[in-house]
Amino acid sequence: MSAPAISPPQSVEACSRALRNGRMRYADNRGEKSFREAASHKLQRDNGLQFDPATEALATAGATFGIYAARGLDRLREGLETFWQ
């Protein structure tokens, strides 16, 4: 396991700020909405690909689960294609 990208005092402040702003629930299991929107925008801008971040984008904490989830969905929905970036 790697070390966090930010130091512990920064982590504590980020967590405190999130709690003060009312973030007390589990995160969206599809990934943060703002991240999915930014990723979809980047893919459209740089690659000419268009995805609906609400229904066609999935952000995971690691590649292994992302591949597993996408391939599982691919098998469950006829006609669904997966895209790897």
N, C-alpha and C. Protein backbone atom coordinates (compact mmCIF):
# COMPACT_ATOMS: atom_id res chain seq x y z
N MET A 1 0.84 -1.16 0.00
CA MET A 1 0.00 0.00 0.00
C MET A 1 0.89 1.23 0.00
N SER A 2 0.55 2.21 -0.80
CA SER A 2 1.36 3.41 -0.88
C SER A 2 0.93 4.44 0.16
N ALA A 3 1.78 5.41 0.37
CA ALA A 3 1.50 6.48 1.33
C ALA A 3 0.52 7.47 0.71
N PRO A 4 -0.26 8.16 1.54
CA PRO A 4 -1.19 9.16 1.00
C PRO A 4 -0.45 10.29 0.30
N ALA A 5 -1.10 10.90 -0.66
CA ALA A 5 -0.50 11.98 -1.43
C ALA A 5 -0.42 13.28 -0.64
N ILE A 6 -1.19 13.38 0.43
CA ILE A 6 -1.15 14.59 1.26
C ILE A 6 -0.76 14.20 2.68
N SER A 7 -0.16 15.14 3.38
CA SER A 7 0.32 14.85 4.73
C SER A 7 -0.84 14.74 5.72
N PRO A 8 -0.64 14.09 6.85
CA PRO A 8 -1.72 13.93 7.83
C PRO A 8 -2.41 15.24 8.23
N PRO A 9 -1.68 16.35 8.52
CA PRO A 9 -2.42 17.58 8.86
C PRO A 9 -3.35 18.04 7.74
N GLN A 10 -2.91 17.88 6.49
CA GLN A 10 -3.77 18.24 5.37
C GLN A 10 -4.97 17.31 5.28
N SER A 11 -4.76 16.05 5.58
CA SER A 11 -5.85 15.07 5.56
C SER A 11 -6.89 15.40 6.62
N VAL A 12 -6.42 15.74 7.82
CA VAL A 12 -7.33 16.08 8.91
C VAL A 12 -8.14 17.32 8.55
N GLU A 13 -7.49 18.33 7.97
CA GLU A 13 -8.20 19.55 7.59
C GLU A 13 -9.20 19.26 6.47
N ALA A 14 -8.83 18.44 5.50
CA ALA A 14 -9.76 18.10 4.41
C ALA A 14 -10.98 17.36 4.95
N CYS A 15 -10.76 16.43 5.87
CA CYS A 15 -11.88 15.70 6.47
C CYS A 15 -12.76 16.63 7.29
N SER A 16 -12.15 17.51 8.07
CA SER A 16 -12.91 18.47 8.87
C SER A 16 -13.75 19.38 7.98
N ARG A 17 -13.15 19.87 6.90
CA ARG A 17 -13.86 20.75 5.98
C ARG A 17 -15.05 20.01 5.35
N ALA A 18 -14.84 18.76 4.95
CA ALA A 18 -15.93 17.97 4.36
C ALA A 18 -17.07 17.79 5.36
N LEU A 19 -16.75 17.49 6.61
CA LEU A 19 -17.78 17.33 7.63
C LEU A 19 -18.52 18.64 7.89
N ARG A 20 -17.80 19.75 7.95
CA ARG A 20 -18.44 21.06 8.14
C ARG A 20 -19.38 21.39 6.99
N ASN A 21 -19.05 20.88 5.80
CA ASN A 21 -19.88 21.14 4.62
C ASN A 21 -21.00 20.11 4.44
N GLY A 22 -21.19 19.26 5.45
CA GLY A 22 -22.32 18.33 5.42
C GLY A 22 -22.08 17.02 4.70
N ARG A 23 -20.84 16.69 4.40
CA ARG A 23 -20.55 15.43 3.70
C ARG A 23 -20.42 14.32 4.73
N MET A 24 -21.56 13.75 5.09
CA MET A 24 -21.59 12.73 6.14
C MET A 24 -22.19 11.42 5.66
N ARG A 25 -22.30 11.24 4.40
CA ARG A 25 -22.89 10.02 3.83
C ARG A 25 -21.84 9.29 3.03
N TYR A 26 -22.17 8.06 2.66
CA TYR A 26 -21.29 7.31 1.78
C TYR A 26 -21.17 8.03 0.45
N ALA A 27 -20.02 7.92 -0.17
CA ALA A 27 -19.83 8.50 -1.49
C ALA A 27 -20.65 7.71 -2.52
N ASP A 28 -20.96 8.35 -3.61
CA ASP A 28 -21.66 7.69 -4.71
C ASP A 28 -20.80 6.52 -5.19
N ASN A 29 -21.37 5.34 -5.28
CA ASN A 29 -20.57 4.17 -5.66
C ASN A 29 -20.14 4.18 -7.13
N ARG A 30 -20.61 5.13 -7.90
CA ARG A 30 -20.15 5.29 -9.28
C ARG A 30 -18.95 6.23 -9.36
N GLY A 31 -18.59 6.84 -8.22
CA GLY A 31 -17.51 7.83 -8.18
C GLY A 31 -18.11 9.22 -7.98
N GLU A 32 -17.28 10.14 -7.57
CA GLU A 32 -17.74 11.51 -7.35
C GLU A 32 -18.31 12.10 -8.63
N LYS A 33 -19.48 12.72 -8.50
CA LYS A 33 -20.16 13.29 -9.66
C LYS A 33 -19.27 14.30 -10.39
N SER A 34 -18.62 15.20 -9.65
CA SER A 34 -17.78 16.22 -10.29
C SER A 34 -16.61 15.59 -11.04
N PHE A 35 -16.06 14.49 -10.51
CA PHE A 35 -14.96 13.82 -11.19
C PHE A 35 -15.45 13.16 -12.48
N ARG A 36 -16.60 12.49 -12.42
CA ARG A 36 -17.15 11.84 -13.62
C ARG A 36 -17.46 12.88 -14.69
N GLU A 37 -17.98 14.04 -14.27
CA GLU A 37 -18.27 15.11 -15.22
C GLU A 37 -16.99 15.64 -15.85
N ALA A 38 -15.95 15.85 -15.03
CA ALA A 38 -14.67 16.35 -15.55
C ALA A 38 -14.03 15.34 -16.50
N ALA A 39 -14.09 14.06 -16.14
CA ALA A 39 -13.51 13.02 -17.00
C ALA A 39 -14.26 12.95 -18.33
N SER A 40 -15.58 13.03 -18.29
CA SER A 40 -16.37 13.00 -19.53
C SER A 40 -16.05 14.21 -20.40
N HIS A 41 -15.89 15.37 -19.77
CA HIS A 41 -15.55 16.60 -20.51
C HIS A 41 -14.17 16.46 -21.16
N LYS A 42 -13.21 15.91 -20.42
CA LYS A 42 -11.85 15.72 -20.94
C LYS A 42 -11.85 14.78 -22.14
N LEU A 43 -12.59 13.67 -22.03
CA LEU A 43 -12.65 12.71 -23.13
C LEU A 43 -13.30 13.31 -24.37
N GLN A 44 -14.31 14.17 -24.16
CA GLN A 44 -14.95 14.82 -25.30
C GLN A 44 -14.00 15.84 -25.92
N ARG A 45 -13.36 16.66 -25.09
CA ARG A 45 -12.46 17.70 -25.58
C ARG A 45 -11.23 17.11 -26.30
N ASP A 46 -10.59 16.14 -25.67
CA ASP A 46 -9.32 15.64 -26.19
C ASP A 46 -9.45 14.48 -27.18
N ASN A 47 -10.53 13.72 -27.09
CA ASN A 47 -10.65 12.51 -27.91
C ASN A 47 -11.90 12.47 -28.77
N GLY A 48 -12.76 13.47 -28.65
CA GLY A 48 -13.98 13.47 -29.44
C GLY A 48 -14.99 12.41 -29.02
N LEU A 49 -14.84 11.90 -27.80
CA LEU A 49 -15.75 10.86 -27.29
C LEU A 49 -16.79 11.50 -26.39
N GLN A 50 -18.02 11.06 -26.50
CA GLN A 50 -19.09 11.66 -25.72
C GLN A 50 -19.74 10.62 -24.82
N PHE A 51 -19.72 10.88 -23.52
CA PHE A 51 -20.31 9.99 -22.52
C PHE A 51 -21.19 10.80 -21.58
N ASP A 52 -22.29 10.24 -21.16
CA ASP A 52 -23.14 10.87 -20.15
C ASP A 52 -22.55 10.50 -18.79
N PRO A 53 -22.03 11.48 -18.03
CA PRO A 53 -21.40 11.16 -16.75
C PRO A 53 -22.36 10.56 -15.73
N ALA A 54 -23.64 10.78 -15.90
CA ALA A 54 -24.62 10.25 -14.95
C ALA A 54 -24.92 8.77 -15.20
N THR A 55 -24.79 8.34 -16.46
CA THR A 55 -25.19 6.96 -16.78
C THR A 55 -24.12 6.13 -17.48
N GLU A 56 -23.07 6.77 -17.98
CA GLU A 56 -22.08 6.03 -18.77
C GLU A 56 -20.65 6.15 -18.24
N ALA A 57 -20.48 6.70 -17.05
CA ALA A 57 -19.14 6.86 -16.49
C ALA A 57 -19.08 6.19 -15.12
N LEU A 58 -17.98 5.51 -14.87
CA LEU A 58 -17.74 4.84 -13.59
C LEU A 58 -16.32 5.14 -13.16
N ALA A 59 -16.15 5.67 -11.97
CA ALA A 59 -14.81 5.95 -11.44
C ALA A 59 -14.59 5.07 -10.21
N THR A 60 -13.50 4.34 -10.20
CA THR A 60 -13.21 3.44 -9.08
C THR A 60 -11.88 3.81 -8.45
N ALA A 61 -11.66 3.30 -7.24
CA ALA A 61 -10.43 3.57 -6.51
C ALA A 61 -9.26 2.76 -7.05
N GLY A 62 -9.52 1.77 -7.84
CA GLY A 62 -8.44 0.95 -8.38
C GLY A 62 -8.84 0.31 -9.69
N ALA A 63 -7.84 -0.02 -10.49
CA ALA A 63 -8.09 -0.58 -11.81
C ALA A 63 -8.74 -1.96 -11.75
N THR A 64 -8.33 -2.78 -10.80
CA THR A 64 -8.85 -4.15 -10.75
C THR A 64 -10.36 -4.16 -10.58
N PHE A 65 -10.88 -3.38 -9.63
CA PHE A 65 -12.33 -3.35 -9.45
C PHE A 65 -13.01 -2.69 -10.64
N GLY A 66 -12.41 -1.66 -11.21
CA GLY A 66 -13.00 -1.00 -12.37
C GLY A 66 -13.18 -1.94 -13.54
N ILE A 67 -12.16 -2.74 -13.80
CA ILE A 67 -12.24 -3.72 -14.89
C ILE A 67 -13.30 -4.77 -14.58
N TYR A 68 -13.30 -5.26 -13.35
CA TYR A 68 -14.28 -6.27 -12.93
C TYR A 68 -15.70 -5.73 -13.08
N ALA A 69 -15.94 -4.51 -12.60
CA ALA A 69 -17.29 -3.93 -12.66
C ALA A 69 -17.72 -3.69 -14.10
N ALA A 70 -16.83 -3.13 -14.90
CA ALA A 70 -17.18 -2.84 -16.29
C ALA A 70 -17.43 -4.12 -17.08
N ARG A 71 -16.61 -5.12 -16.89
CA ARG A 71 -16.80 -6.37 -17.62
C ARG A 71 -18.09 -7.06 -17.15
N GLY A 72 -18.39 -6.97 -15.87
CA GLY A 72 -19.63 -7.54 -15.36
C GLY A 72 -20.84 -6.87 -15.98
N LEU A 73 -20.81 -5.54 -16.06
CA LEU A 73 -21.92 -4.81 -16.68
C LEU A 73 -22.01 -5.14 -18.16
N ASP A 74 -20.86 -5.27 -18.79
CA ASP A 74 -20.80 -5.60 -20.21
C ASP A 74 -21.53 -6.91 -20.50
N ARG A 75 -21.37 -7.87 -19.60
CA ARG A 75 -22.02 -9.17 -19.78
C ARG A 75 -23.50 -9.14 -19.44
N LEU A 76 -23.89 -8.23 -18.54
CA LEU A 76 -25.28 -8.17 -18.11
C LEU A 76 -26.18 -7.43 -19.09
N ARG A 77 -25.64 -6.46 -19.78
CA ARG A 77 -26.45 -5.64 -20.67
C ARG A 77 -26.08 -5.91 -22.12
N GLU A 78 -26.99 -6.48 -22.84
CA GLU A 78 -26.75 -6.78 -24.25
C GLU A 78 -26.51 -5.48 -25.02
N GLY A 79 -25.47 -5.48 -25.81
CA GLY A 79 -25.17 -4.31 -26.63
C GLY A 79 -24.30 -3.27 -25.95
N LEU A 80 -24.01 -3.44 -24.67
CA LEU A 80 -23.19 -2.48 -23.94
C LEU A 80 -21.72 -2.70 -24.29
N GLU A 81 -21.01 -1.64 -24.55
CA GLU A 81 -19.58 -1.72 -24.82
C GLU A 81 -18.82 -1.02 -23.71
N THR A 82 -17.62 -1.51 -23.41
CA THR A 82 -16.79 -0.86 -22.40
C THR A 82 -15.66 -0.12 -23.08
N PHE A 83 -15.25 0.98 -22.49
CA PHE A 83 -14.17 1.81 -23.01
C PHE A 83 -13.14 1.97 -21.92
N TRP A 84 -11.88 1.75 -22.26
CA TRP A 84 -10.78 1.84 -21.28
C TRP A 84 -9.95 3.06 -21.59
N GLN A 85 -9.72 3.90 -20.61
CA GLN A 85 -8.86 5.09 -20.78
C GLN A 85 -7.83 5.10 -19.69
